[in-house]
C-alpha atoms as a PDB file:
ATOM      1  CA  MET A   1     -17.622  13.123 -24.319  1.00  0.00           C
ATOM      2  CA  THR A   2     -14.538  12.160 -26.588  1.00  0.00           C
ATOM      3  CA  SER A   3     -12.562  15.253 -25.138  1.00  0.00           C
ATOM      4  CA  LEU A   4     -13.407  14.031 -21.677  1.00  0.00           C
ATOM      5  CA  ARG A   5     -12.209  10.716 -22.278  1.00  0.00           C
ATOM      6  CA  LEU A   6      -8.941  12.012 -23.814  1.00  0.00           C
ATOM      7  CA  TYR A   7      -8.315  14.162 -20.895  1.00  0.00           C
ATOM      8  CA  LEU A   8      -8.975  11.185 -18.469  1.00  0.00           C
ATOM      9  CA  ARG A   9      -6.554   9.125 -20.429  1.00  0.00           C
ATOM     10  CA  ALA A  10      -3.943  12.083 -20.268  1.00  0.00           C
ATOM     11  CA  ILE A  11      -4.160  12.468 -16.614  1.00  0.00           C
ATOM     12  CA  ARG A  12      -3.929   8.583 -16.254  1.00  0.00           C
ATOM     13  CA  ILE A  13      -6.886   8.494 -13.833  1.00  0.00           C
ATOM     14  CA  LYS A  14      -6.536   4.595 -13.774  1.00  0.00           C
ATOM     15  CA  GLN A  15      -3.083   5.200 -12.026  1.00  0.00           C
ATOM     16  CA  TRP A  16      -5.127   6.947  -9.051  1.00  0.00           C
ATOM     17  CA  THR A  17      -5.887   3.505  -7.662  1.00  0.00           C
ATOM     18  CA  LYS A  18      -2.039   3.174  -6.820  1.00  0.00           C
ATOM     19  CA  ASN A  19      -2.865   6.158  -4.165  1.00  0.00           C
ATOM     20  CA  LEU A  20      -5.251   3.911  -2.270  1.00  0.00           C
ATOM     21  CA  LEU A  21      -2.055   3.066  -0.299  1.00  0.00           C
ATOM     22  CA  LEU A  22      -2.769   6.250   1.706  1.00  0.00           C
ATOM     23  CA  PHE A  23      -5.971   4.416   3.224  1.00  0.00           C
ATOM     24  CA  VAL A  24      -3.793   1.514   4.338  1.00  0.00           C
ATOM     25  CA  PRO A  25      -2.235   2.861   7.736  1.00  0.00           C
ATOM     26  CA  LEU A  26      -6.125   3.630   8.874  1.00  0.00           C
ATOM     27  CA  PHE A  27      -7.250   0.336   7.494  1.00  0.00           C
ATOM     28  CA  LEU A  28      -4.418  -1.601   9.618  1.00  0.00           C
ATOM     29  CA  ALA A  29      -5.402   0.555  12.574  1.00  0.00           C
ATOM     30  CA  HIS A  30      -8.964  -0.253  12.292  1.00  0.00           C
ATOM     31  CA  GLY A  31     -10.086   3.266  11.806  1.00  0.00           C
ATOM     32  CA  PHE A  32     -12.532   3.163   9.037  1.00  0.00           C
ATOM     33  CA  ASN A  33     -15.228   3.751  11.432  1.00  0.00           C
ATOM     34  CA  ASN A  34     -14.052   7.223  12.164  1.00  0.00           C
ATOM     35  CA  PRO A  35     -15.510   9.787   9.858  1.00  0.00           C
ATOM     36  CA  GLU A  36     -13.044  12.353  10.490  1.00  0.00           C
ATOM     37  CA  LYS A  37     -10.004  10.253   9.801  1.00  0.00           C
ATOM     38  CA  MET A  38     -11.715   8.874   6.615  1.00  0.00           C
ATOM     39  CA  ARG A  39     -12.159  12.673   5.579  1.00  0.00           C
ATOM     40  CA  LEU A  40      -8.518  13.241   5.927  1.00  0.00           C
ATOM     41  CA  ALA A  41      -7.657  10.231   4.068  1.00  0.00           C
ATOM     42  CA  SER A  42      -9.794  11.095   1.400  1.00  0.00           C
ATOM     43  CA  TYR A  43      -8.344  14.548   1.147  1.00  0.00           C
ATOM     44  CA  ALA A  44      -4.770  13.068   1.052  1.00  0.00           C
ATOM     45  CA  PHE A  45      -5.820  10.441  -1.738  1.00  0.00           C
ATOM     46  CA  LEU A  46      -7.025  13.516  -3.750  1.00  0.00           C
ATOM     47  CA  ALA A  47      -3.874  15.546  -3.279  1.00  0.00           C
ATOM     48  CA  PHE A  48      -1.600  12.778  -4.257  1.00  0.00           C
ATOM     49  CA  SER A  49      -3.612  11.697  -7.204  1.00  0.00           C
ATOM     50  CA  LEU A  50      -3.785  15.466  -8.547  1.00  0.00           C
ATOM     51  CA  CYS A  51      -0.039  15.667  -7.872  1.00  0.00           C
ATOM     52  CA  ALA A  52       0.599  12.487  -9.668  1.00  0.00           C
ATOM     53  CA  SER A  53      -1.462  13.244 -12.745  1.00  0.00           C
ATOM     54  CA  GLY A  54       0.187  16.529 -13.200  1.00  0.00           C
ATOM     55  CA  ILE A  55       3.756  14.645 -13.232  1.00  0.00           C
ATOM     56  CA  TYR A  56       2.346  12.146 -15.769  1.00  0.00           C
ATOM     57  CA  ILE A  57       1.402  15.009 -17.919  1.00  0.00           C
ATOM     58  CA  LEU A  58       4.960  16.581 -17.456  1.00  0.00           C
ATOM     59  CA  ASN A  59       6.617  13.156 -18.231  1.00  0.00           C
ATOM     60  CA  ASP A  60       4.455  12.690 -21.482  1.00  0.00           C
ATOM     61  CA  LEU A  61       5.491  16.289 -22.567  1.00  0.00           C
ATOM     62  CA  HIS A  62       8.994  15.716 -21.782  1.00  0.00           C
ATOM     63  CA  ASP A  63       9.004  12.277 -23.914  1.00  0.00           C
ATOM     64  CA  LEU A  64       6.719  13.737 -26.708  1.00  0.00           C
ATOM     65  CA  GLU A  65       9.167  13.060 -29.559  1.00  0.00           C
ATOM     66  CA  MET A  66      10.215   9.542 -28.169  1.00  0.00           C
ATOM     67  CA  ASP A  67       6.456   8.378 -27.630  1.00  0.00           C
ATOM     68  CA  LYS A  68       5.730   9.434 -31.316  1.00  0.00           C
ATOM     69  CA  ASN A  69       8.177   6.973 -32.685  1.00  0.00           C
ATOM     70  CA  HIS A  70       6.999   4.208 -30.163  1.00  0.00           C
ATOM     71  CA  PRO A  71       4.521   1.700 -31.761  1.00  0.00           C
ATOM     72  CA  LEU A  72       2.581   1.518 -28.342  1.00  0.00           C
ATOM     73  CA  LYS A  73       3.097   5.082 -26.684  1.00  0.00           C
ATOM     74  CA  LYS A  74       2.248   7.110 -29.788  1.00  0.00           C
ATOM     75  CA  HIS A  75      -1.380   6.431 -29.244  1.00  0.00           C
ATOM     76  CA  ARG A  76      -1.065   8.509 -26.067  1.00  0.00           C
ATOM     77  CA  PRO A  77      -3.316  11.697 -26.325  1.00  0.00           C
ATOM     78  CA  PHE A  78      -0.471  14.224 -26.686  1.00  0.00           C
ATOM     79  CA  ALA A  79       1.942  12.017 -28.761  1.00  0.00           C
ATOM     80  CA  SER A  80      -0.908  11.423 -31.160  1.00  0.00           C
ATOM     81  CA  GLY A  81      -2.083  14.898 -31.364  1.00  0.00           C
ATOM     82  CA  GLN A  82      -5.410  14.220 -30.172  1.00  0.00           C
ATOM     83  CA  LEU A  83      -4.918  16.720 -27.379  1.00  0.00           C
ATOM     84  CA  PRO A  84      -2.957  19.980 -27.985  1.00  0.00           C
ATOM     85  CA  VAL A  85       0.390  20.246 -26.106  1.00  0.00           C
ATOM     86  CA  SER A  86      -0.805  23.559 -25.062  1.00  0.00           C
ATOM     87  CA  VAL A  87      -3.512  21.694 -22.786  1.00  0.00           C
ATOM     88  CA  GLY A  88      -0.759  19.814 -21.180  1.00  0.00           C
ATOM     89  CA  TYR A  89       1.293  22.778 -20.363  1.00  0.00           C
ATOM     90  CA  LEU A  90      -1.668  24.504 -18.779  1.00  0.00           C
ATOM     91  CA  THR A  91      -2.804  21.382 -17.031  1.00  0.00           C
ATOM     92  CA  PHE A  92       0.145  19.987 -15.260  1.00  0.00           C
ATOM     93  CA  PRO A  93       0.954  23.122 -12.923  1.00  0.00           C
ATOM     94  CA  PHE A  94      -2.740  23.636 -12.351  1.00  0.00           C
ATOM     95  CA  MET A  95      -2.867  19.953 -10.939  1.00  0.00           C
ATOM     96  CA  LEU A  96       0.431  20.361  -8.874  1.00  0.00           C
ATOM     97  CA  LEU A  97      -0.884  23.558  -7.372  1.00  0.00           C
ATOM     98  CA  ALA A  98      -4.287  22.176  -6.681  1.00  0.00           C
ATOM     99  CA  SER A  99      -2.733  19.231  -4.840  1.00  0.00           C
ATOM    100  CA  LEU A 100      -0.583  21.657  -2.617  1.00  0.00           C
ATOM    101  CA  TRP A 101      -3.694  23.827  -1.869  1.00  0.00           C
ATOM    102  CA  ILE A 102      -5.714  20.934  -0.803  1.00  0.00           C
ATOM    103  CA  SER A 103      -2.805  19.743   1.438  1.00  0.00           C
ATOM    104  CA  GLU A 104      -2.157  23.399   2.931  1.00  0.00           C
ATOM    105  CA  PHE A 105      -5.866  24.041   3.865  1.00  0.00           C
ATOM    106  CA  TYR A 106      -7.308  20.567   4.621  1.00  0.00           C
ATOM    107  CA  LEU A 107      -4.436  18.285   5.778  1.00  0.00           C
ATOM    108  CA  PRO A 108      -2.256  18.267   8.913  1.00  0.00           C
ATOM    109  CA  PRO A 109       0.600  20.710   8.482  1.00  0.00           C
ATOM    110  CA  HIS A 110       3.362  18.143   8.021  1.00  0.00           C
ATOM    111  CA  PHE A 111       1.605  16.463   5.206  1.00  0.00           C
ATOM    112  CA  VAL A 112       2.418  19.057   2.605  1.00  0.00           C
ATOM    113  CA  ARG A 113       6.185  18.133   3.324  1.00  0.00           C
ATOM    114  CA  TYR A 114       5.619  14.616   2.238  1.00  0.00           C
ATOM    115  CA  LEU A 115       3.621  15.385  -0.794  1.00  0.00           C
ATOM    116  CA  ALA A 116       6.363  17.980  -1.826  1.00  0.00           C
ATOM    117  CA  LEU A 117       8.973  15.369  -1.265  1.00  0.00           C
ATOM    118  CA  TYR A 118       7.006  12.842  -3.297  1.00  0.00           C
ATOM    119  CA  ALA A 119       6.454  15.419  -6.201  1.00  0.00           C
ATOM    120  CA  ILE A 120      10.340  16.349  -6.320  1.00  0.00           C
ATOM    121  CA  PHE A 121      11.380  12.559  -6.508  1.00  0.00           C
ATOM    122  CA  ALA A 122       8.704  11.730  -8.981  1.00  0.00           C
ATOM    123  CA  VAL A 123       9.629  14.667 -11.183  1.00  0.00           C
ATOM    124  CA  LEU A 124      13.455  13.581 -10.736  1.00  0.00           C
ATOM    125  CA  TYR A 125      12.403  10.218 -11.575  1.00  0.00           C
ATOM    126  CA  SER A 126      10.559  11.102 -14.844  1.00  0.00           C
ATOM    127  CA  LEU A 127      13.176  13.445 -16.107  1.00  0.00           C
ATOM    128  CA  TYR A 128      16.323  11.543 -15.211  1.00  0.00           C
ATOM    129  CA  LEU A 129      16.416   9.129 -12.342  1.00  0.00           C
ATOM    130  CA  LYS A 130      14.563   6.323 -14.326  1.00  0.00           C
ATOM    131  CA  ARG A 131      17.652   5.820 -16.465  1.00  0.00           C
ATOM    132  CA  LEU A 132      19.993   5.094 -13.611  1.00  0.00           C
ATOM    133  CA  LEU A 133      20.814   1.447 -12.805  1.00  0.00           C
ATOM    134  CA  VAL A 134      19.058   0.091  -9.620  1.00  0.00           C
ATOM    135  CA  ILE A 135      18.668   3.691  -8.285  1.00  0.00           C
ATOM    136  CA  ASP A 136      15.343   3.787 -10.468  1.00  0.00           C
ATOM    137  CA  VAL A 137      13.982   0.759  -8.828  1.00  0.00           C
ATOM    138  CA  LEU A 138      14.646   1.990  -5.372  1.00  0.00           C
ATOM    139  CA  ILE A 139      13.229   5.332  -6.138  1.00  0.00           C
ATOM    140  CA  LEU A 140       9.944   3.608  -7.197  1.00  0.00           C
ATOM    141  CA  ALA A 141       9.780   1.518  -4.142  1.00  0.00           C
ATOM    142  CA  GLY A 142      10.482   4.526  -2.046  1.00  0.00           C
ATOM    143  CA  LEU A 143       7.621   6.536  -3.812  1.00  0.00           C
ATOM    144  CA  TYR A 144       5.202   3.719  -2.889  1.00  0.00           C
ATOM    145  CA  THR A 145       6.530   3.522   0.669  1.00  0.00           C
ATOM    146  CA  LEU A 146       6.209   7.341   0.972  1.00  0.00           C
ATOM    147  CA  ARG A 147       2.481   7.011   0.023  1.00  0.00           C
ATOM    148  CA  LEU A 148       1.910   4.877   3.059  1.00  0.00           C
ATOM    149  CA  VAL A 149       3.750   7.257   5.442  1.00  0.00           C
ATOM    150  CA  ALA A 150       1.812  10.180   4.041  1.00  0.00           C
ATOM    151  CA  GLY A 151      -1.350   8.260   4.824  1.00  0.00           C
ATOM    152  CA  GLY A 152      -0.248   7.780   8.371  1.00  0.00           C
ATOM    153  CA  ILE A 153       0.720  11.466   8.752  1.00  0.00           C
ATOM    154  CA  ALA A 154      -2.677  12.696   7.214  1.00  0.00           C
ATOM    155  CA  THR A 155      -4.933  10.451   9.563  1.00  0.00           C
ATOM    156  CA  GLY A 156      -2.621  10.696  12.578  1.00  0.00           C
ATOM    157  CA  VAL A 157      -1.974   6.911  12.757  1.00  0.00           C
ATOM    158  CA  SER A 158       1.449   5.868  13.710  1.00  0.00           C
ATOM    159  CA  LEU A 159       3.011   3.696  11.004  1.00  0.00           C
ATOM    160  CA  SER A 160       5.184   0.724  12.157  1.00  0.00           C
ATOM    161  CA  PRO A 161       8.567   0.303  10.777  1.00  0.00           C
ATOM    162  CA  TRP A 162       7.654  -3.372   9.943  1.00  0.00           C
ATOM    163  CA  LEU A 163       4.948  -1.988   7.600  1.00  0.00           C
ATOM    164  CA  GLN A 164       7.445   0.306   5.935  1.00  0.00           C
ATOM    165  CA  ALA A 165      10.142  -2.382   5.622  1.00  0.00           C
ATOM    166  CA  PHE A 166       7.395  -4.757   4.079  1.00  0.00           C
ATOM    167  CA  SER A 167       6.447  -2.086   1.592  1.00  0.00           C
ATOM    168  CA  LEU A 168      10.070  -1.331   0.493  1.00  0.00           C
ATOM    169  CA  PHE A 169      11.019  -4.781  -0.111  1.00  0.00           C
ATOM    170  CA  PHE A 170       7.553  -5.682  -1.705  1.00  0.00           C
ATOM    171  CA  PHE A 171       7.449  -2.861  -4.095  1.00  0.00           C
ATOM    172  CA  THR A 172      11.188  -3.354  -5.008  1.00  0.00           C
ATOM    173  CA  SER A 173      10.255  -6.689  -6.042  1.00  0.00           C
ATOM    174  CA  LEU A 174       7.533  -5.153  -8.334  1.00  0.00           C
ATOM    175  CA  ALA A 175       9.857  -2.227  -9.532  1.00  0.00           C
ATOM    176  CA  PHE A 176      12.381  -4.899 -10.787  1.00  0.00           C
ATOM    177  CA  MET A 177       9.468  -6.900 -12.388  1.00  0.00           C
ATOM    178  CA  LYS A 178       8.528  -3.632 -14.288  1.00  0.00           C
ATOM    179  CA  ARG A 179      12.217  -3.546 -15.644  1.00  0.00           C
ATOM    180  CA  TYR A 180      12.333  -7.392 -16.442  1.00  0.00           C
ATOM    181  CA  SER A 181       8.918  -7.107 -18.247  1.00  0.00           C
ATOM    182  CA  GLU A 182       9.924  -4.317 -20.566  1.00  0.00           C
ATOM    183  CA  LEU A 183      13.170  -5.964 -21.507  1.00  0.00           C
ATOM    184  CA  LYS A 184      10.984  -9.307 -22.111  1.00  0.00           C
ATOM    185  CA  VAL A 185       8.720  -7.098 -24.373  1.00  0.00           C
ATOM    186  CA  THR A 186      11.269  -5.259 -26.236  1.00  0.00           C
ATOM    187  CA  GLN A 187      13.055  -8.869 -27.115  1.00  0.00           C
ATOM    188  CA  GLN A 188       9.632 -10.355 -28.094  1.00  0.00           C
ATOM    189  CA  ASN A 189       8.690  -7.379 -30.401  1.00  0.00           C
ATOM    190  CA  ALA A 190      11.332  -6.084 -32.632  1.00  0.00           C
ATOM    191  CA  ALA A 191       9.241  -3.204 -33.610  1.00  0.00           C
ATOM    192  CA  ILE A 192       9.404  -1.724 -30.218  1.00  0.00           C
ATOM    193  CA  PRO A 193      12.525   0.347 -29.679  1.00  0.00           C
ATOM    194  CA  PHE A 194      14.733  -0.745 -26.838  1.00  0.00           C
ATOM    195  CA  GLN A 195      14.283   1.345 -23.773  1.00  0.00           C
ATOM    196  CA  GLY A 196      15.758  -0.510 -21.070  1.00  0.00           C
ATOM    197  CA  ARG A 197      17.302   2.656 -19.477  1.00  0.00           C
ATOM    198  CA  GLY A 198      20.035   1.340 -17.356  1.00  0.00           C
ATOM    199  CA  TYR A 199      19.592  -2.291 -18.086  1.00  0.00           C
ATOM    200  CA  THR A 200      20.533  -4.530 -21.161  1.00  0.00           C
ATOM    201  CA  PRO A 201      18.761  -7.692 -22.175  1.00  0.00           C
ATOM    202  CA  ALA A 202      21.712  -9.533 -20.441  1.00  0.00           C
ATOM    203  CA  ASP A 203      20.626  -8.311 -17.114  1.00  0.00           C
ATOM    204  CA  ARG A 204      17.395 -10.274 -17.281  1.00  0.00           C
ATOM    205  CA  GLU A 205      18.736 -13.079 -15.338  1.00  0.00           C
ATOM    206  CA  LEU A 206      19.960 -10.860 -12.452  1.00  0.00           C
ATOM    207  CA  LEU A 207      16.626  -8.942 -12.599  1.00  0.00           C
ATOM    208  CA  ALA A 208      14.849 -12.288 -12.368  1.00  0.00           C
ATOM    209  CA  SER A 209      16.832 -13.064  -9.193  1.00  0.00           C
ATOM    210  CA  PHE A 210      16.797  -9.884  -7.248  1.00  0.00           C
ATOM    211  CA  GLY A 211      12.888  -9.489  -7.824  1.00  0.00           C
ATOM    212  CA  PRO A 212      11.511 -12.511  -6.394  1.00  0.00           C
ATOM    213  CA  THR A 213      14.183 -12.402  -3.550  1.00  0.00           C
ATOM    214  CA  CYS A 214      13.056  -8.987  -2.356  1.00  0.00           C
ATOM    215  CA  GLY A 215       9.429 -10.296  -2.636  1.00  0.00           C
ATOM    216  CA  TYR A 216      10.177 -13.229  -0.483  1.00  0.00           C
ATOM    217  CA  LEU A 217      11.982 -10.963   1.993  1.00  0.00           C
ATOM    218  CA  SER A 218       8.816  -8.910   2.515  1.00  0.00           C
ATOM    219  CA  VAL A 219       7.066 -12.150   3.603  1.00  0.00           C
ATOM    220  CA  VAL A 220       9.763 -12.791   5.843  1.00  0.00           C
ATOM    221  CA  VAL A 221       9.508  -9.042   7.370  1.00  0.00           C
ATOM    222  CA  PHE A 222       5.627  -9.802   7.499  1.00  0.00           C
ATOM    223  CA  THR A 223       6.233 -13.056   9.476  1.00  0.00           C
ATOM    224  CA  LEU A 224       8.365 -11.258  12.195  1.00  0.00           C
ATOM    225  CA  TYR A 225       5.996  -8.453  12.231  1.00  0.00           C
ATOM    226  CA  LEU A 226       3.347 -10.837  13.673  1.00  0.00           C
ATOM    227  CA  ASN A 227       5.372 -11.107  17.090  1.00  0.00           C
ATOM    228  CA  SER A 228       5.259  -7.352  17.289  1.00  0.00           C
ATOM    229  CA  LYS A 229       3.223  -5.493  20.334  1.00  0.00           C
ATOM    230  CA  GLU A 230       1.343  -3.801  17.614  1.00  0.00           C
ATOM    231  CA  VAL A 231      -0.276  -7.000  16.425  1.00  0.00           C
ATOM    232  CA  ILE A 232      -1.023  -8.191  19.817  1.00  0.00           C
ATOM    233  CA  ALA A 233      -2.851  -5.056  20.783  1.00  0.00           C
ATOM    234  CA  LEU A 234      -4.915  -4.876  17.359  1.00  0.00           C
ATOM    235  CA  TYR A 235      -5.951  -8.489  16.892  1.00  0.00           C
ATOM    236  CA  GLN A 236      -7.815 -10.959  19.315  1.00  0.00           C
ATOM    237  CA  ASN A 237      -6.507 -14.082  17.108  1.00  0.00           C
ATOM    238  CA  PRO A 238      -3.009 -12.808  15.674  1.00  0.00           C
ATOM    239  CA  THR A 239      -1.906 -16.269  14.997  1.00  0.00           C
ATOM    240  CA  VAL A 240      -4.739 -16.555  12.192  1.00  0.00           C
ATOM    241  CA  LEU A 241      -2.581 -13.756  10.290  1.00  0.00           C
ATOM    242  CA  LEU A 242       0.093 -16.476   9.631  1.00  0.00           C
ATOM    243  CA  LEU A 243      -2.254 -17.596   6.765  1.00  0.00           C
ATOM    244  CA  ILE A 244      -1.517 -14.458   4.932  1.00  0.00           C
ATOM    245  CA  GLY A 245       2.017 -15.575   4.398  1.00  0.00           C
ATOM    246  CA  PRO A 246       1.151 -18.245   1.942  1.00  0.00           C
ATOM    247  CA  CYS A 247      -1.174 -15.919   0.089  1.00  0.00           C
ATOM    248  CA  LEU A 248       1.518 -13.624  -0.280  1.00  0.00           C
ATOM    249  CA  LEU A 249       4.042 -16.327  -1.469  1.00  0.00           C
ATOM    250  CA  TYR A 250       1.659 -17.573  -3.976  1.00  0.00           C
ATOM    251  CA  TRP A 251       0.631 -14.201  -5.333  1.00  0.00           C
ATOM    252  CA  ILE A 252       4.465 -13.204  -5.505  1.00  0.00           C
ATOM    253  CA  SER A 253       5.567 -16.539  -7.065  1.00  0.00           C
ATOM    254  CA  ARG A 254       2.684 -16.539  -9.677  1.00  0.00           C
ATOM    255  CA  ILE A 255       3.157 -13.033 -10.652  1.00  0.00           C
ATOM    256  CA  TRP A 256       6.798 -13.553 -11.349  1.00  0.00           C
ATOM    257  CA  PHE A 257       6.130 -16.796 -13.376  1.00  0.00           C
ATOM    258  CA  LEU A 258       3.607 -14.819 -15.442  1.00  0.00           C
ATOM    259  CA  ALA A 259       6.308 -12.123 -16.190  1.00  0.00           C
ATOM    260  CA  HIS A 260       8.803 -14.844 -17.101  1.00  0.00           C
ATOM    261  CA  ARG A 261       6.307 -16.162 -19.692  1.00  0.00           C
ATOM    262  CA  GLY A 262       5.828 -12.572 -20.982  1.00  0.00           C
ATOM    263  CA  SER A 263       2.253 -12.129 -19.829  1.00  0.00           C
ATOM    264  CA  ILE A 264       3.046  -8.760 -18.082  1.00  0.00           C
ATOM    265  CA  GLU A 265       3.920  -6.239 -20.612  1.00  0.00           C
ATOM    266  CA  ASP A 266       4.796  -3.416 -18.325  1.00  0.00           C
ATOM    267  CA  ASP A 267       3.464  -2.293 -14.969  1.00  0.00           C
ATOM    268  CA  PRO A 268       2.693  -5.228 -12.524  1.00  0.00           C
ATOM    269  CA  ILE A 269       0.240  -3.295 -10.473  1.00  0.00           C
ATOM    270  CA  ALA A 270      -1.774  -2.256 -13.496  1.00  0.00           C
ATOM    271  CA  PHE A 271      -1.692  -6.088 -14.364  1.00  0.00           C
ATOM    272  CA  ALA A 272      -3.027  -7.135 -10.789  1.00  0.00           C
ATOM    273  CA  LEU A 273      -5.741  -4.618 -11.214  1.00  0.00           C
ATOM    274  CA  LYS A 274      -7.212  -6.515 -14.207  1.00  0.00           C
ATOM    275  CA  ASP A 275      -6.315  -9.950 -12.663  1.00  0.00           C
ATOM    276  CA  PRO A 276      -9.147 -12.049 -11.203  1.00  0.00           C
ATOM    277  CA  ILE A 277      -6.728 -14.108  -9.220  1.00  0.00           C
ATOM    278  CA  SER A 278      -5.034 -11.027  -7.660  1.00  0.00           C
ATOM    279  CA  TYR A 279      -8.718 -10.010  -6.397  1.00  0.00           C
ATOM    280  CA  ALA A 280      -9.113 -13.507  -5.130  1.00  0.00           C
ATOM    281  CA  VAL A 281      -5.901 -13.471  -2.953  1.00  0.00           C
ATOM    282  CA  GLY A 282      -6.894  -9.894  -1.722  1.00  0.00           C
ATOM    283  CA  MET A 283     -10.222 -10.991  -0.652  1.00  0.00           C
ATOM    284  CA  ALA A 284      -8.713 -14.041   1.053  1.00  0.00           C
ATOM    285  CA  VAL A 285      -6.267 -11.872   2.762  1.00  0.00           C
ATOM    286  CA  ILE A 286      -9.129  -9.341   3.985  1.00  0.00           C
ATOM    287  CA  VAL A 287     -11.098 -12.262   5.347  1.00  0.00           C
ATOM    288  CA  ILE A 288      -8.139 -13.411   7.208  1.00  0.00           C
ATOM    289  CA  MET A 289      -7.614 -10.220   8.897  1.00  0.00           C
ATOM    290  CA  LEU A 290     -11.481  -9.961   9.815  1.00  0.00           C
ATOM    291  CA  VAL A 291     -11.142 -13.421  11.507  1.00  0.00           C
ATOM    292  CA  ALA A 292      -7.859 -12.272  13.238  1.00  0.00           C
ATOM    293  CA  VAL A 293      -9.304  -9.257  14.587  1.00  0.00           C
ATOM    294  CA  GLY A 294     -12.473 -11.136  15.930  1.00  0.00           C
ATOM    295  CA  LEU A 295     -14.860  -9.817  13.430  1.00  0.00           C
ATOM    296  CA  PRO A 296     -17.384 -12.247  11.704  1.00  0.00           C
ATOM    297  CA  SER A 297     -15.946 -12.987   8.286  1.00  0.00           C
END
């Protein structure tokens, strides 16, 4: 049981929640009552999750010596020696190949191209691009948006350019927050070695400016999207969707306040998954969408 727990930690199974984005195009198209499309979305979720886990392991193996000297990361399964490095070298290619196999045999032909594109950029990010100023943030945001695009390809749902633009701005904001929080925690804890990558402590003010701005721009894009023909076709009461705007503004503002206070140590998405208020905002958005589509809330 202990070995299984260690293995699940090594493949970062908690991070699989990020791949739920592959279901978003189907959800927005109101296609959850279609068993075939749900099956395709589930296969896409599994393919991306296995691929991501393989890349996480590759990243841990690449950063092994650095992690051993880090007060927090030294407890990771490979850095701590709890799992042999040989297990990692066997596991990561197996997971990458398994994800490609699922894509090739169970999903539409074009899907594997998007998975391969994700894998290439995720590996490049882990090995090099995460050290480049601003490029690292854009790559992170792009990888999240690519999940949405891949979800649309897998289920045959046409993805609105509005949704892609919203995603790019929204996740760019969270990527800036990730870098901001890393710098904040480093300054607060002298025991943690400085790993600002392309950033220095002097950049915190700029990060705190760029991040919320991108978040608020995503809300502007969302508001403009409400006038599109897609919304009119999908929702009986589209004006109700305007209520989602304040929800987004509240959540983005609040999470940046928490980051400024040092309450978010690293990944804002990981924080949101443990944050009751984030769940409450999410439920409010779902209720608003149900009202807008004409279903009973």
